[in-house]
Amino acid sequence: QVQVKESGGGLVQPGGSLNLSCTASDLTFDDSALAWFRQSPGKEREGVAAIGADDSTFAIASVKGRFSVSRDNAKNTVYLHMNNVQPEDTAMYFCALSSRVNNILAMPRDVFFDAWGQGTQVTVSS
């Protein structure tokens, strides 16, 4: 079973930066798509950003220009670089892996992701 684990969450002030990391034990990591989702209390889970095996990326409109996603296949790790964070970015952030998604043209739906981490909390507050 694939193990996925996020890290790097915490409390950050508005306008600050935070880098989330996610490692996965999948032997086919290099051929997998990775994505970040988030969920805050009372709201549905939403996709934030994704990166394909070909390094194609997508970020939703509300974070585009502030957040970026990257991967390091040598470390089986995907990153979410968060800049100029705002209170509305407060949420539990989840990392997910998919062996079914190929290149990224839009934010893939969560049903296409097979392995999920437990999440890391990001709180943006002064």
C-alpha atoms as a PDB file:
ATOM      1  CA  GLN A   1       0.000   0.000   0.000  1.00  0.00           C
ATOM      2  CA  VAL A   2       1.291   3.433  -0.937  1.00  0.00           C
ATOM      3  CA  GLN A   3       2.232   5.622   1.997  1.00  0.00           C
ATOM      4  CA  VAL A   4       1.773   9.360   1.500  1.00  0.00           C
ATOM      5  CA  LYS A   5       2.815  11.896   4.099  1.00  0.00           C
ATOM      6  CA  GLU A   6       2.602  15.663   4.120  1.00  0.00           C
ATOM      7  CA  SER A   7       4.679  18.072   6.183  1.00  0.00           C
ATOM      8  CA  GLY A   8       5.411  21.766   6.472  1.00  0.00           C
ATOM      9  CA  GLY A   9       2.114  23.169   7.635  1.00  0.00           C
ATOM     10  CA  GLY A  10       1.824  25.704  10.410  1.00  0.00           C
ATOM     11  CA  LEU A  11       0.799  29.201  11.379  1.00  0.00           C
ATOM     12  CA  VAL A  12       1.800  31.972   9.008  1.00  0.00           C
ATOM     13  CA  GLN A  13       0.940  35.647   8.834  1.00  0.00           C
ATOM     14  CA  PRO A  14      -0.976  37.107   5.894  1.00  0.00           C
ATOM     15  CA  GLY A  15       1.431  37.908   3.105  1.00  0.00           C
ATOM     16  CA  GLY A  16       3.900  35.308   4.305  1.00  0.00           C
ATOM     17  CA  SER A  17       5.208  32.148   2.683  1.00  0.00           C
ATOM     18  CA  LEU A  18       5.105  28.478   3.455  1.00  0.00           C
ATOM     19  CA  ASN A  19       6.421  25.400   1.684  1.00  0.00           C
ATOM     20  CA  LEU A  20       4.584  22.114   1.994  1.00  0.00           C
ATOM     21  CA  SER A  21       6.250  18.798   1.225  1.00  0.00           C
ATOM     22  CA  CYS A  22       4.803  15.407   0.490  1.00  0.00           C
ATOM     23  CA  THR A  23       6.635  12.114   0.179  1.00  0.00           C
ATOM     24  CA  ALA A  24       5.201   8.927  -1.254  1.00  0.00           C
ATOM     25  CA  SER A  25       6.443   5.357  -1.072  1.00  0.00           C
ATOM     26  CA  ASP A  26       5.091   4.446  -4.512  1.00  0.00           C
ATOM     27  CA  LEU A  27       7.624   2.648  -6.684  1.00  0.00           C
ATOM     28  CA  THR A  28       5.970   4.223  -9.725  1.00  0.00           C
ATOM     29  CA  PHE A  29       6.252   7.765  -8.339  1.00  0.00           C
ATOM     30  CA  ASP A  30       8.037   8.946 -11.469  1.00  0.00           C
ATOM     31  CA  ASP A  31       5.051   7.928 -13.618  1.00  0.00           C
ATOM     32  CA  SER A  32       2.402   9.327 -11.287  1.00  0.00           C
ATOM     33  CA  ALA A  33       0.569  12.617 -11.116  1.00  0.00           C
ATOM     34  CA  LEU A  34       0.572  14.408  -7.770  1.00  0.00           C
ATOM     35  CA  ALA A  35      -1.867  16.971  -6.491  1.00  0.00           C
ATOM     36  CA  TRP A  36      -2.633  19.164  -3.530  1.00  0.00           C
ATOM     37  CA  PHE A  37      -6.168  19.493  -2.224  1.00  0.00           C
ATOM     38  CA  ARG A  38      -7.451  21.496   0.715  1.00  0.00           C
ATOM     39  CA  GLN A  39     -10.484  21.513   2.940  1.00  0.00           C
ATOM     40  CA  SER A  40     -11.593  23.991   5.548  1.00  0.00           C
ATOM     41  CA  PRO A  41     -14.411  23.469   8.084  1.00  0.00           C
ATOM     42  CA  GLY A  42     -17.838  23.574   6.515  1.00  0.00           C
ATOM     43  CA  LYS A  43     -16.479  23.575   2.967  1.00  0.00           C
ATOM     44  CA  GLU A  44     -16.015  20.900   0.352  1.00  0.00           C
ATOM     45  CA  ARG A  45     -12.558  19.643  -0.498  1.00  0.00           C
ATOM     46  CA  GLU A  46     -11.098  21.499  -3.456  1.00  0.00           C
ATOM     47  CA  GLY A  47      -8.162  20.857  -5.689  1.00  0.00           C
ATOM     48  CA  VAL A  48      -5.427  23.467  -5.427  1.00  0.00           C
ATOM     49  CA  ALA A  49      -2.616  22.465  -7.775  1.00  0.00           C
ATOM     50  CA  ALA A  50      -1.384  19.417  -9.636  1.00  0.00           C
ATOM     51  CA  ILE A  51       1.711  18.224 -11.471  1.00  0.00           C
ATOM     52  CA  GLY A  52       1.908  15.467 -14.040  1.00  0.00           C
ATOM     53  CA  ALA A  53       4.593  12.890 -14.697  1.00  0.00           C
ATOM     54  CA  ASP A  54       5.668  15.116 -17.595  1.00  0.00           C
ATOM     55  CA  ASP A  55       5.985  18.108 -15.232  1.00  0.00           C
ATOM     56  CA  SER A  56       2.902  19.796 -16.649  1.00  0.00           C
ATOM     57  CA  THR A  57       1.218  21.826 -13.926  1.00  0.00           C
ATOM     58  CA  PHE A  58      -2.070  23.483 -13.114  1.00  0.00           C
ATOM     59  CA  ALA A  59      -3.165  25.762 -10.292  1.00  0.00           C
ATOM     60  CA  ILE A  60      -6.662  27.007  -9.578  1.00  0.00           C
ATOM     61  CA  ALA A  61      -7.433  30.647 -10.250  1.00  0.00           C
ATOM     62  CA  SER A  62      -7.573  31.694  -6.602  1.00  0.00           C
ATOM     63  CA  VAL A  63      -3.945  30.648  -6.002  1.00  0.00           C
ATOM     64  CA  LYS A  64      -2.422  31.114  -9.455  1.00  0.00           C
ATOM     65  CA  GLY A  65       0.515  33.475  -9.261  1.00  0.00           C
ATOM     66  CA  ARG A  66       0.862  32.828  -5.517  1.00  0.00           C
ATOM     67  CA  PHE A  67       1.198  29.042  -5.250  1.00  0.00           C
ATOM     68  CA  SER A  68       3.281  26.722  -7.397  1.00  0.00           C
ATOM     69  CA  VAL A  69       3.803  22.972  -7.427  1.00  0.00           C
ATOM     70  CA  SER A  70       7.019  21.114  -8.170  1.00  0.00           C
ATOM     71  CA  ARG A  71       8.385  17.602  -7.788  1.00  0.00           C
ATOM     72  CA  ASP A  72      11.688  15.874  -7.132  1.00  0.00           C
ATOM     73  CA  ASN A  73      11.475  12.313  -8.402  1.00  0.00           C
ATOM     74  CA  ALA A  74      14.830  11.422  -6.872  1.00  0.00           C
ATOM     75  CA  LYS A  75      13.302  12.081  -3.457  1.00  0.00           C
ATOM     76  CA  ASN A  76       9.760  10.842  -4.238  1.00  0.00           C
ATOM     77  CA  THR A  77       8.628  14.268  -3.084  1.00  0.00           C
ATOM     78  CA  VAL A  78       6.191  16.886  -4.325  1.00  0.00           C
ATOM     79  CA  TYR A  79       6.116  20.438  -3.033  1.00  0.00           C
ATOM     80  CA  LEU A  80       3.559  23.216  -2.759  1.00  0.00           C
ATOM     81  CA  HIS A  81       5.236  26.597  -2.613  1.00  0.00           C
ATOM     82  CA  MET A  82       2.840  29.078  -1.063  1.00  0.00           C
ATOM     83  CA  ASN A  83       3.544  32.811  -1.306  1.00  0.00           C
ATOM     84  CA  ASN A  84       1.493  35.827  -0.242  1.00  0.00           C
ATOM     85  CA  VAL A  85      -0.831  33.567   1.717  1.00  0.00           C
ATOM     86  CA  GLN A  86      -4.189  34.981   2.767  1.00  0.00           C
ATOM     87  CA  PRO A  87      -6.637  34.072   5.538  1.00  0.00           C
ATOM     88  CA  GLU A  88      -8.836  32.314   2.988  1.00  0.00           C
ATOM     89  CA  ASP A  89      -5.972  29.880   2.365  1.00  0.00           C
ATOM     90  CA  THR A  90      -6.460  28.501   5.859  1.00  0.00           C
ATOM     91  CA  ALA A  91      -7.294  24.813   5.504  1.00  0.00           C
ATOM     92  CA  MET A  92      -6.091  21.265   5.927  1.00  0.00           C
ATOM     93  CA  TYR A  93      -3.909  20.525   2.921  1.00  0.00           C
ATOM     94  CA  PHE A  94      -3.796  17.017   1.496  1.00  0.00           C
ATOM     95  CA  CYS A  95      -1.410  15.441  -0.954  1.00  0.00           C
ATOM     96  CA  ALA A  96      -2.643  12.777  -3.355  1.00  0.00           C
ATOM     97  CA  LEU A  97      -1.095  10.465  -5.942  1.00  0.00           C
ATOM     98  CA  SER A  98      -2.635   9.130  -9.126  1.00  0.00           C
ATOM     99  CA  SER A  99      -1.464   6.461 -11.515  1.00  0.00           C
ATOM    100  CA  ARG A 100      -4.391   7.212 -13.831  1.00  0.00           C
ATOM    101  CA  VAL A 101      -3.859  10.904 -14.576  1.00  0.00           C
ATOM    102  CA  ASN A 102      -1.437  11.745 -17.344  1.00  0.00           C
ATOM    103  CA  ASN A 103      -0.550  15.245 -18.402  1.00  0.00           C
ATOM    104  CA  ILE A 104      -2.218  18.068 -16.486  1.00  0.00           C
ATOM    105  CA  LEU A 105      -4.467  20.371 -18.516  1.00  0.00           C
ATOM    106  CA  ALA A 106      -6.873  21.217 -15.719  1.00  0.00           C
ATOM    107  CA  MET A 107      -7.315  20.360 -12.067  1.00  0.00           C
ATOM    108  CA  PRO A 108      -8.078  16.629 -11.926  1.00  0.00           C
ATOM    109  CA  ARG A 109     -11.011  15.538  -9.809  1.00  0.00           C
ATOM    110  CA  ASP A 110     -10.210  13.855  -6.519  1.00  0.00           C
ATOM    111  CA  VAL A 111     -11.814  10.577  -7.645  1.00  0.00           C
ATOM    112  CA  PHE A 112      -8.843   9.967  -9.924  1.00  0.00           C
ATOM    113  CA  PHE A 113      -6.394   9.883  -7.021  1.00  0.00           C
ATOM    114  CA  ASP A 114      -5.624   6.555  -5.409  1.00  0.00           C
ATOM    115  CA  ALA A 115      -3.480   7.386  -2.403  1.00  0.00           C
ATOM    116  CA  TRP A 116      -3.905  10.204   0.080  1.00  0.00           C
ATOM    117  CA  GLY A 117      -1.981  11.592   3.001  1.00  0.00           C
ATOM    118  CA  GLN A 118      -3.395  12.501   6.402  1.00  0.00           C
ATOM    119  CA  GLY A 119      -3.068  16.215   5.747  1.00  0.00           C
ATOM    120  CA  THR A 120      -1.142  19.125   7.191  1.00  0.00           C
ATOM    121  CA  GLN A 121      -2.850  22.169   8.680  1.00  0.00           C
ATOM    122  CA  VAL A 122      -2.138  25.631   7.321  1.00  0.00           C
ATOM    123  CA  THR A 123      -3.443  28.561   9.318  1.00  0.00           C
ATOM    124  CA  VAL A 124      -3.061  32.106   8.040  1.00  0.00           C
ATOM    125  CA  SER A 125      -3.613  34.633  10.770  1.00  0.00           C
ATOM    126  CA  SER A 126      -2.048  37.716  12.259  1.00  0.00           C
END
